[in-house]
C-alpha cells in the first residue's frame, strides 16, 4: 500500500548482520525485558509501525499514575488529560517537573522514543510526544508507586503529588 522498499532504509547486508547478532544474543536464556530489548533493535531498523513487541512489561500489572497526563504541544509541556476534579489544570503549561526544566525534559524524552513510524515519517514522534510523553517520562525516570512528583506551572502554581492507584 505504498510502503517504500525495505532496502530504502536498511541494506540487505546490514539487516542480515542485525539478524545474525540477534541470534547470537538469544543463544542464552533471557528475561522478557532482555528479550524485548534485543528484538526491538531489529524491529526499529525495519521502520514499519506494523511491527512491535506487545506487552513489554514483565506482567500485566496496572501501574500507578498521577492526577495528570502531560504531553508536548507547540514545544510546550502541557497537561493533556486529568482526573475530573483537576479539570482546571487541563491545557496548563508546565515549566518543570521535579525541578527539571520542561525544555530539558522534552529533549531528553524525545531522544528515548524509538523511530517506529513507516519510512521517514517524523510525525509519529510528534504524536507520541503529545499523547504518551508522560509514559516515556515514567519509564525513563523509573517512577513507582509512592514516588513523589512536583510540577511547577507557568501561572506560578506548584502541585505536589505521588504515584498512586486511581479509580
N, C-alpha and C. Protein backbone atom coordinates (compact mmCIF):
# COMPACT_ATOMS: atom_id res chain seq x y z
N UNK A 1 0.83 -1.19 0.00
CA UNK A 1 0.00 0.00 0.00
C UNK A 1 0.87 1.25 0.00
N UNK A 2 1.83 1.30 -0.85
CA UNK A 2 2.67 2.48 -0.96
C UNK A 2 3.86 2.48 -0.03
N UNK A 3 4.09 1.40 0.72
CA UNK A 3 5.25 1.35 1.61
C UNK A 3 6.51 1.24 0.76
N UNK A 4 7.50 2.09 1.01
CA UNK A 4 8.75 2.00 0.26
C UNK A 4 9.44 0.65 0.49
N UNK A 5 10.39 0.34 -0.37
CA UNK A 5 11.12 -0.91 -0.23
C UNK A 5 11.91 -0.95 1.07
N UNK A 6 12.00 -2.13 1.64
CA UNK A 6 12.73 -2.31 2.89
C UNK A 6 14.15 -1.78 2.78
N UNK A 7 14.79 -2.02 1.64
CA UNK A 7 16.18 -1.63 1.47
C UNK A 7 16.37 -0.13 1.25
N UNK A 8 15.28 0.62 1.24
CA UNK A 8 15.41 2.08 1.22
C UNK A 8 15.88 2.60 2.57
N UNK A 9 15.74 1.78 3.62
CA UNK A 9 16.07 2.22 4.98
C UNK A 9 17.21 1.42 5.60
N UNK A 10 17.37 0.22 5.15
CA UNK A 10 18.47 -0.61 5.66
C UNK A 10 18.92 -1.54 4.54
N UNK A 11 20.22 -1.64 4.37
CA UNK A 11 20.74 -2.50 3.31
C UNK A 11 20.52 -3.97 3.68
N UNK A 12 20.53 -4.83 2.67
CA UNK A 12 20.37 -6.27 2.92
C UNK A 12 21.47 -6.77 3.84
N UNK A 13 22.70 -6.29 3.61
CA UNK A 13 23.83 -6.72 4.44
C UNK A 13 23.66 -6.28 5.90
N UNK A 14 23.21 -5.03 6.10
CA UNK A 14 23.02 -4.53 7.47
C UNK A 14 21.91 -5.30 8.17
N UNK A 15 20.84 -5.60 7.45
CA UNK A 15 19.74 -6.35 8.03
C UNK A 15 20.18 -7.76 8.40
N UNK A 16 20.93 -8.39 7.53
CA UNK A 16 21.44 -9.74 7.81
C UNK A 16 22.38 -9.71 9.01
N UNK A 17 23.22 -8.69 9.09
CA UNK A 17 24.13 -8.55 10.22
C UNK A 17 23.36 -8.38 11.53
N UNK A 18 22.34 -7.51 11.52
CA UNK A 18 21.49 -7.32 12.70
C UNK A 18 20.84 -8.64 13.12
N UNK A 19 20.33 -9.36 12.14
CA UNK A 19 19.67 -10.64 12.41
C UNK A 19 20.64 -11.65 13.03
N UNK A 20 21.83 -11.75 12.44
CA UNK A 20 22.84 -12.69 12.96
C UNK A 20 23.27 -12.32 14.38
N UNK A 21 23.42 -11.03 14.65
CA UNK A 21 23.76 -10.58 16.01
C UNK A 21 22.63 -10.91 16.99
N UNK A 22 21.40 -10.76 16.52
CA UNK A 22 20.25 -11.10 17.34
C UNK A 22 20.27 -12.57 17.70
N UNK A 23 20.55 -13.43 16.74
CA UNK A 23 20.61 -14.87 17.01
C UNK A 23 21.69 -15.20 18.03
N UNK A 24 22.85 -14.56 17.92
CA UNK A 24 23.94 -14.79 18.88
C UNK A 24 23.52 -14.38 20.29
N UNK A 25 22.86 -13.22 20.40
CA UNK A 25 22.45 -12.73 21.71
C UNK A 25 21.35 -13.58 22.34
N UNK A 26 20.57 -14.25 21.50
CA UNK A 26 19.47 -15.07 22.01
C UNK A 26 19.89 -16.51 22.30
N UNK A 27 21.19 -16.75 22.23
CA UNK A 27 21.73 -18.10 22.46
C UNK A 27 21.63 -18.56 23.91
N UNK A 28 21.44 -17.60 24.81
CA UNK A 28 21.36 -17.94 26.23
C UNK A 28 19.99 -17.50 26.76
N UNK A 29 19.54 -18.08 27.86
CA UNK A 29 18.24 -17.69 28.41
C UNK A 29 18.19 -16.20 28.75
N UNK A 30 17.04 -15.58 28.52
CA UNK A 30 16.85 -14.15 28.75
C UNK A 30 15.55 -13.92 29.51
N UNK A 31 15.52 -12.81 30.23
CA UNK A 31 14.25 -12.38 30.81
C UNK A 31 13.41 -11.79 29.68
N UNK A 32 12.15 -11.57 29.96
CA UNK A 32 11.28 -10.98 28.95
C UNK A 32 11.79 -9.59 28.57
N UNK A 33 12.26 -8.82 29.54
CA UNK A 33 12.77 -7.48 29.28
C UNK A 33 14.02 -7.53 28.40
N UNK A 34 14.94 -8.43 28.69
CA UNK A 34 16.16 -8.57 27.89
C UNK A 34 15.82 -8.99 26.46
N UNK A 35 14.90 -9.94 26.34
CA UNK A 35 14.47 -10.40 25.02
C UNK A 35 13.86 -9.24 24.22
N UNK A 36 13.01 -8.47 24.87
CA UNK A 36 12.37 -7.34 24.21
C UNK A 36 13.39 -6.34 23.70
N UNK A 37 14.39 -6.01 24.52
CA UNK A 37 15.41 -5.04 24.11
C UNK A 37 16.19 -5.53 22.88
N UNK A 38 16.49 -6.80 22.85
CA UNK A 38 17.24 -7.36 21.73
C UNK A 38 16.40 -7.33 20.46
N UNK A 39 15.17 -7.81 20.54
CA UNK A 39 14.30 -7.86 19.37
C UNK A 39 13.93 -6.45 18.90
N UNK A 40 13.79 -5.53 19.84
CA UNK A 40 13.40 -4.16 19.48
C UNK A 40 14.41 -3.51 18.55
N UNK A 41 15.70 -3.83 18.69
CA UNK A 41 16.72 -3.29 17.79
C UNK A 41 16.45 -3.68 16.34
N UNK A 42 16.04 -4.91 16.13
CA UNK A 42 15.72 -5.37 14.77
C UNK A 42 14.43 -4.69 14.29
N UNK A 43 13.44 -4.62 15.14
CA UNK A 43 12.16 -4.01 14.77
C UNK A 43 12.35 -2.54 14.40
N UNK A 44 13.15 -1.81 15.18
CA UNK A 44 13.37 -0.39 14.90
C UNK A 44 14.01 -0.17 13.53
N UNK A 45 14.86 -1.07 13.11
CA UNK A 45 15.54 -0.91 11.83
C UNK A 45 14.60 -1.11 10.64
N UNK A 46 13.46 -1.77 10.86
CA UNK A 46 12.51 -2.03 9.77
C UNK A 46 11.69 -0.80 9.40
N UNK A 47 11.59 0.15 10.32
CA UNK A 47 10.88 1.42 10.08
C UNK A 47 9.44 1.18 9.60
N UNK A 48 8.75 0.25 10.24
CA UNK A 48 7.37 -0.06 9.89
C UNK A 48 6.58 -0.22 11.18
N UNK A 49 5.57 0.63 11.38
CA UNK A 49 4.85 0.59 12.65
C UNK A 49 3.91 -0.60 12.80
N UNK A 50 3.91 -1.51 11.84
CA UNK A 50 3.13 -2.74 11.98
C UNK A 50 3.87 -3.77 12.83
N UNK A 51 5.15 -3.55 13.07
CA UNK A 51 5.95 -4.46 13.88
C UNK A 51 6.16 -3.85 15.26
N UNK A 52 5.88 -4.63 16.29
CA UNK A 52 6.11 -4.16 17.65
C UNK A 52 6.05 -5.35 18.59
N UNK A 53 6.63 -5.19 19.76
CA UNK A 53 6.52 -6.19 20.80
C UNK A 53 5.37 -5.75 21.69
N UNK A 54 4.36 -6.56 21.80
CA UNK A 54 3.19 -6.22 22.60
C UNK A 54 3.43 -6.69 24.03
N UNK A 55 2.97 -5.90 24.99
CA UNK A 55 3.13 -6.18 26.42
C UNK A 55 4.61 -6.34 26.78
N UNK A 56 5.31 -5.23 26.76
CA UNK A 56 6.74 -5.22 27.08
C UNK A 56 6.99 -5.34 28.58
N UNK A 57 5.95 -5.21 29.39
CA UNK A 57 6.12 -5.31 30.83
C UNK A 57 6.30 -6.76 31.26
N UNK A 58 6.87 -6.93 32.42
CA UNK A 58 7.07 -8.28 32.96
C UNK A 58 5.73 -8.96 33.26
N UNK A 59 4.72 -8.17 33.54
CA UNK A 59 3.40 -8.74 33.84
C UNK A 59 2.35 -7.78 33.33
N UNK A 60 1.13 -8.08 33.58
CA UNK A 60 0.02 -7.20 33.19
C UNK A 60 -0.36 -6.28 34.34
N UNK A 61 0.54 -6.05 35.26
CA UNK A 61 0.30 -5.20 36.42
C UNK A 61 -0.06 -3.79 35.95
N UNK A 62 -1.11 -3.23 36.50
CA UNK A 62 -1.52 -1.87 36.18
C UNK A 62 -0.66 -0.92 37.01
N UNK A 63 -0.01 0.00 36.34
CA UNK A 63 0.92 0.89 37.04
C UNK A 63 0.18 2.06 37.68
N UNK A 64 0.69 2.55 38.79
CA UNK A 64 0.08 3.71 39.44
C UNK A 64 0.31 4.96 38.59
N UNK A 65 -0.56 5.93 38.74
CA UNK A 65 -0.48 7.16 37.95
C UNK A 65 -0.63 8.37 38.87
N UNK A 66 -0.45 9.54 38.28
CA UNK A 66 -0.75 10.78 39.00
C UNK A 66 -2.08 11.31 38.47
N UNK A 67 -2.47 12.46 38.95
CA UNK A 67 -3.73 13.07 38.53
C UNK A 67 -3.68 13.59 37.10
N UNK A 68 -2.45 13.76 36.56
CA UNK A 68 -2.27 14.39 35.26
C UNK A 68 -1.54 13.48 34.28
N UNK A 69 -1.90 13.61 33.02
CA UNK A 69 -1.09 13.10 31.92
C UNK A 69 -0.60 14.35 31.20
N UNK A 70 0.65 14.39 30.83
CA UNK A 70 1.20 15.57 30.18
C UNK A 70 1.87 15.20 28.87
N UNK A 71 1.87 16.16 27.95
CA UNK A 71 2.45 15.94 26.63
C UNK A 71 2.99 17.23 26.07
N UNK A 72 3.59 17.13 24.88
CA UNK A 72 4.23 18.28 24.26
C UNK A 72 3.39 18.76 23.09
N UNK A 73 3.03 20.03 23.15
CA UNK A 73 2.29 20.67 22.07
C UNK A 73 2.95 22.01 21.79
N UNK A 74 3.29 22.25 20.53
CA UNK A 74 3.96 23.50 20.13
C UNK A 74 5.17 23.80 21.01
N UNK A 75 5.99 22.79 21.25
CA UNK A 75 7.23 22.91 22.03
C UNK A 75 7.01 23.25 23.50
N UNK A 76 5.78 23.12 24.00
CA UNK A 76 5.49 23.35 25.41
C UNK A 76 4.98 22.07 26.04
N UNK A 77 5.34 21.87 27.29
CA UNK A 77 4.85 20.74 28.06
C UNK A 77 3.55 21.17 28.73
N UNK A 78 2.45 20.46 28.44
CA UNK A 78 1.16 20.86 28.97
C UNK A 78 0.42 19.65 29.54
N UNK A 79 -0.59 19.93 30.37
CA UNK A 79 -1.47 18.87 30.87
C UNK A 79 -2.44 18.54 29.74
N UNK A 80 -2.43 17.26 29.30
CA UNK A 80 -3.30 16.87 28.18
C UNK A 80 -4.54 16.11 28.64
N UNK A 81 -4.45 15.48 29.82
CA UNK A 81 -5.58 14.75 30.40
C UNK A 81 -5.44 14.83 31.91
N UNK A 82 -6.58 14.75 32.60
CA UNK A 82 -6.52 14.79 34.06
C UNK A 82 -7.79 14.20 34.63
N UNK A 83 -7.73 13.91 35.91
CA UNK A 83 -8.93 13.47 36.60
C UNK A 83 -9.93 14.63 36.63
N UNK A 84 -11.20 14.28 36.66
CA UNK A 84 -12.27 15.26 36.56
C UNK A 84 -12.12 16.41 37.56
N UNK A 85 -11.78 16.08 38.79
CA UNK A 85 -11.69 17.13 39.81
C UNK A 85 -10.50 18.08 39.60
N UNK A 86 -9.63 17.78 38.64
CA UNK A 86 -8.48 18.65 38.35
C UNK A 86 -8.60 19.30 36.98
N UNK A 87 -9.83 19.41 36.47
CA UNK A 87 -10.06 19.90 35.10
C UNK A 87 -9.52 21.31 34.86
N UNK A 88 -9.36 22.10 35.92
CA UNK A 88 -8.81 23.45 35.76
C UNK A 88 -7.34 23.43 35.31
N UNK A 89 -6.68 22.29 35.47
CA UNK A 89 -5.29 22.17 35.06
C UNK A 89 -5.15 21.80 33.57
N UNK A 90 -6.23 21.37 32.96
CA UNK A 90 -6.19 20.93 31.57
C UNK A 90 -5.68 22.06 30.66
N UNK A 91 -4.65 21.76 29.89
CA UNK A 91 -4.07 22.74 28.99
C UNK A 91 -3.04 23.65 29.62
N UNK A 92 -2.85 23.57 30.95
CA UNK A 92 -1.86 24.43 31.61
C UNK A 92 -0.45 24.03 31.19
N UNK A 93 0.38 25.04 31.05
CA UNK A 93 1.78 24.84 30.67
C UNK A 93 2.60 24.50 31.91
N UNK A 94 3.42 23.45 31.78
CA UNK A 94 4.30 23.00 32.87
C UNK A 94 5.70 23.55 32.61
N UNK A 95 6.25 24.24 33.60
CA UNK A 95 7.61 24.79 33.48
C UNK A 95 8.68 23.77 33.85
N UNK A 96 8.37 22.96 34.90
CA UNK A 96 9.35 21.96 35.34
C UNK A 96 8.63 20.82 36.06
N UNK A 97 9.30 19.69 36.08
CA UNK A 97 8.83 18.54 36.84
C UNK A 97 10.01 18.07 37.69
N UNK A 98 9.78 17.98 38.97
CA UNK A 98 10.84 17.60 39.93
C UNK A 98 12.09 18.45 39.76
N UNK A 99 11.88 19.74 39.46
CA UNK A 99 13.00 20.67 39.32
C UNK A 99 13.72 20.60 37.98
N UNK A 100 13.29 19.72 37.09
CA UNK A 100 13.92 19.60 35.78
C UNK A 100 13.14 20.47 34.80
N UNK A 101 13.82 21.40 34.17
CA UNK A 101 13.23 22.33 33.22
C UNK A 101 12.50 21.58 32.10
N UNK A 102 11.32 22.07 31.72
CA UNK A 102 10.49 21.41 30.69
C UNK A 102 11.26 21.22 29.38
N UNK A 103 12.05 22.22 28.97
CA UNK A 103 12.80 22.09 27.72
C UNK A 103 13.79 20.93 27.80
N UNK A 104 14.46 20.77 28.95
CA UNK A 104 15.38 19.64 29.13
C UNK A 104 14.63 18.31 29.10
N UNK A 105 13.45 18.27 29.76
CA UNK A 105 12.64 17.05 29.75
C UNK A 105 12.24 16.68 28.33
N UNK A 106 11.81 17.67 27.56
CA UNK A 106 11.37 17.43 26.18
C UNK A 106 12.52 16.86 25.37
N UNK A 107 13.70 17.46 25.46
CA UNK A 107 14.88 16.97 24.72
C UNK A 107 15.24 15.55 25.15
N UNK A 108 15.27 15.31 26.44
CA UNK A 108 15.66 14.01 26.97
C UNK A 108 14.69 12.92 26.53
N UNK A 109 13.41 13.16 26.71
CA UNK A 109 12.41 12.14 26.40
C UNK A 109 12.31 11.92 24.89
N UNK A 110 12.40 12.98 24.10
CA UNK A 110 12.33 12.83 22.64
C UNK A 110 13.40 11.83 22.16
N UNK A 111 14.57 11.90 22.76
CA UNK A 111 15.67 11.01 22.32
C UNK A 111 15.43 9.56 22.71
N UNK A 112 14.49 9.29 23.62
CA UNK A 112 14.23 7.90 24.03
C UNK A 112 13.12 7.25 23.23
N UNK A 113 12.41 8.02 22.43
CA UNK A 113 11.28 7.48 21.67
C UNK A 113 11.80 6.77 20.43
N UNK A 114 11.51 5.47 20.30
CA UNK A 114 12.00 4.73 19.14
C UNK A 114 11.32 5.21 17.86
N UNK A 115 12.09 5.22 16.78
CA UNK A 115 11.51 5.58 15.49
C UNK A 115 10.79 4.35 14.97
N UNK A 116 9.46 4.35 15.14
CA UNK A 116 8.71 3.19 14.69
C UNK A 116 7.68 3.56 13.64
N UNK A 117 7.87 4.74 13.06
CA UNK A 117 6.96 5.17 12.01
C UNK A 117 7.38 4.58 10.68
N UNK A 118 6.43 4.48 9.79
CA UNK A 118 6.73 3.99 8.45
C UNK A 118 7.69 4.94 7.75
N UNK A 119 8.73 4.40 7.19
CA UNK A 119 9.66 5.21 6.43
C UNK A 119 10.27 6.31 7.25
N UNK A 120 10.30 7.50 6.68
CA UNK A 120 10.88 8.66 7.37
C UNK A 120 9.80 9.58 7.93
N UNK A 121 8.65 9.04 8.26
CA UNK A 121 7.53 9.83 8.76
C UNK A 121 7.82 10.27 10.20
N UNK A 122 8.21 11.52 10.36
CA UNK A 122 8.57 12.04 11.68
C UNK A 122 7.35 12.42 12.50
N UNK A 123 6.18 12.52 11.87
CA UNK A 123 5.00 12.94 12.62
C UNK A 123 4.63 11.94 13.70
N UNK A 124 5.06 10.69 13.57
CA UNK A 124 4.78 9.69 14.59
C UNK A 124 5.44 10.07 15.92
N UNK A 125 6.65 10.60 15.86
CA UNK A 125 7.34 11.04 17.08
C UNK A 125 6.57 12.20 17.71
N UNK A 126 6.10 13.14 16.89
CA UNK A 126 5.32 14.26 17.42
C UNK A 126 4.04 13.76 18.08
N UNK A 127 3.41 12.76 17.48
CA UNK A 127 2.20 12.16 18.05
C UNK A 127 2.50 11.53 19.42
N UNK A 128 3.59 10.78 19.49
CA UNK A 128 4.00 10.16 20.77
C UNK A 128 4.32 11.23 21.81
N UNK A 129 4.99 12.29 21.39
CA UNK A 129 5.35 13.37 22.32
C UNK A 129 4.10 14.02 22.90
N UNK A 130 3.04 14.12 22.10
CA UNK A 130 1.81 14.73 22.59
C UNK A 130 1.00 13.76 23.45
N UNK A 131 0.80 12.55 22.97
CA UNK A 131 -0.17 11.66 23.61
C UNK A 131 0.38 10.77 24.71
N UNK A 132 1.63 10.35 24.62
CA UNK A 132 2.17 9.43 25.63
C UNK A 132 3.53 9.85 26.19
N UNK A 133 3.83 11.14 26.12
CA UNK A 133 5.07 11.66 26.70
C UNK A 133 5.19 11.24 28.16
N UNK A 134 4.09 11.36 28.91
CA UNK A 134 4.06 11.01 30.34
C UNK A 134 4.52 9.58 30.56
N UNK A 135 4.18 8.69 29.64
CA UNK A 135 4.55 7.28 29.77
C UNK A 135 6.06 7.10 29.60
N UNK A 136 6.64 7.78 28.62
CA UNK A 136 8.10 7.73 28.43
C UNK A 136 8.79 8.37 29.63
N UNK A 137 8.22 9.43 30.17
CA UNK A 137 8.76 10.09 31.36
C UNK A 137 8.82 9.10 32.51
N UNK A 138 7.72 8.39 32.75
CA UNK A 138 7.66 7.42 33.85
C UNK A 138 8.72 6.33 33.69
N UNK A 139 8.87 5.83 32.48
CA UNK A 139 9.85 4.76 32.23
C UNK A 139 11.27 5.29 32.41
N UNK A 140 11.56 6.45 31.81
CA UNK A 140 12.92 7.00 31.85
C UNK A 140 13.35 7.30 33.29
N UNK A 141 12.44 7.88 34.07
CA UNK A 141 12.77 8.25 35.44
C UNK A 141 12.37 7.17 36.44
N UNK A 142 11.95 6.01 35.93
CA UNK A 142 11.65 4.83 36.75
C UNK A 142 10.70 5.16 37.90
N UNK A 143 9.59 5.78 37.57
CA UNK A 143 8.61 6.17 38.60
C UNK A 143 7.82 4.97 39.08
N UNK A 144 7.68 4.86 40.39
CA UNK A 144 7.00 3.74 41.03
C UNK A 144 5.92 4.26 41.97
N UNK A 145 5.08 3.35 42.42
CA UNK A 145 4.04 3.70 43.39
C UNK A 145 4.70 4.37 44.62
N UNK A 146 4.12 5.49 45.04
CA UNK A 146 4.63 6.21 46.20
C UNK A 146 5.65 7.28 45.88
N UNK A 147 6.25 7.24 44.68
CA UNK A 147 7.21 8.27 44.30
C UNK A 147 6.51 9.62 44.18
N UNK A 148 7.17 10.66 44.66
CA UNK A 148 6.56 11.99 44.58
C UNK A 148 6.85 12.62 43.22
N UNK A 149 6.05 13.62 42.92
CA UNK A 149 6.20 14.36 41.67
C UNK A 149 5.84 15.80 41.99
N UNK A 150 6.70 16.72 41.61
CA UNK A 150 6.47 18.14 41.86
C UNK A 150 6.39 18.85 40.52
N UNK A 151 5.22 19.41 40.23
CA UNK A 151 5.01 20.12 38.97
C UNK A 151 4.92 21.61 39.23
N UNK A 152 5.67 22.39 38.45
CA UNK A 152 5.60 23.84 38.52
C UNK A 152 4.98 24.34 37.22
N UNK A 153 3.90 25.12 37.35
CA UNK A 153 3.17 25.59 36.19
C UNK A 153 3.52 27.04 35.86
N UNK A 154 3.24 27.45 34.63
CA UNK A 154 3.60 28.78 34.16
C UNK A 154 2.85 29.89 34.90
N UNK A 155 1.71 29.57 35.52
CA UNK A 155 0.97 30.59 36.28
C UNK A 155 1.44 30.70 37.73
N UNK A 156 2.54 29.98 38.07
CA UNK A 156 3.10 30.03 39.41
C UNK A 156 2.59 28.93 40.33
N UNK A 157 1.60 28.18 39.90
CA UNK A 157 1.06 27.09 40.71
C UNK A 157 2.10 25.99 40.88
N UNK A 158 2.24 25.50 42.10
CA UNK A 158 3.10 24.36 42.40
C UNK A 158 2.17 23.23 42.84
N UNK A 159 2.34 22.05 42.26
CA UNK A 159 1.47 20.92 42.59
C UNK A 159 2.35 19.73 42.94
N UNK A 160 2.21 19.24 44.18
CA UNK A 160 2.96 18.07 44.62
C UNK A 160 1.99 16.90 44.71
N UNK A 161 2.40 15.78 44.14
CA UNK A 161 1.56 14.58 44.17
C UNK A 161 2.46 13.36 44.30
N UNK A 162 1.87 12.20 44.26
CA UNK A 162 2.61 10.94 44.30
C UNK A 162 1.93 9.95 43.38
N UNK A 163 2.71 9.01 42.88
CA UNK A 163 2.15 7.95 42.05
C UNK A 163 1.32 7.03 42.92
N UNK A 164 0.06 6.87 42.55
CA UNK A 164 -0.86 6.02 43.31
C UNK A 164 -1.91 5.46 42.37
N UNK A 165 -2.71 4.55 42.89
CA UNK A 165 -3.77 3.97 42.11
C UNK A 165 -4.99 4.92 42.16
N UNK A 166 -5.63 5.12 41.02
CA UNK A 166 -6.82 5.94 40.92
C UNK A 166 -7.93 5.10 40.31
N UNK A 167 -9.16 5.38 40.73
CA UNK A 167 -10.27 4.68 40.10
C UNK A 167 -10.64 5.40 38.82
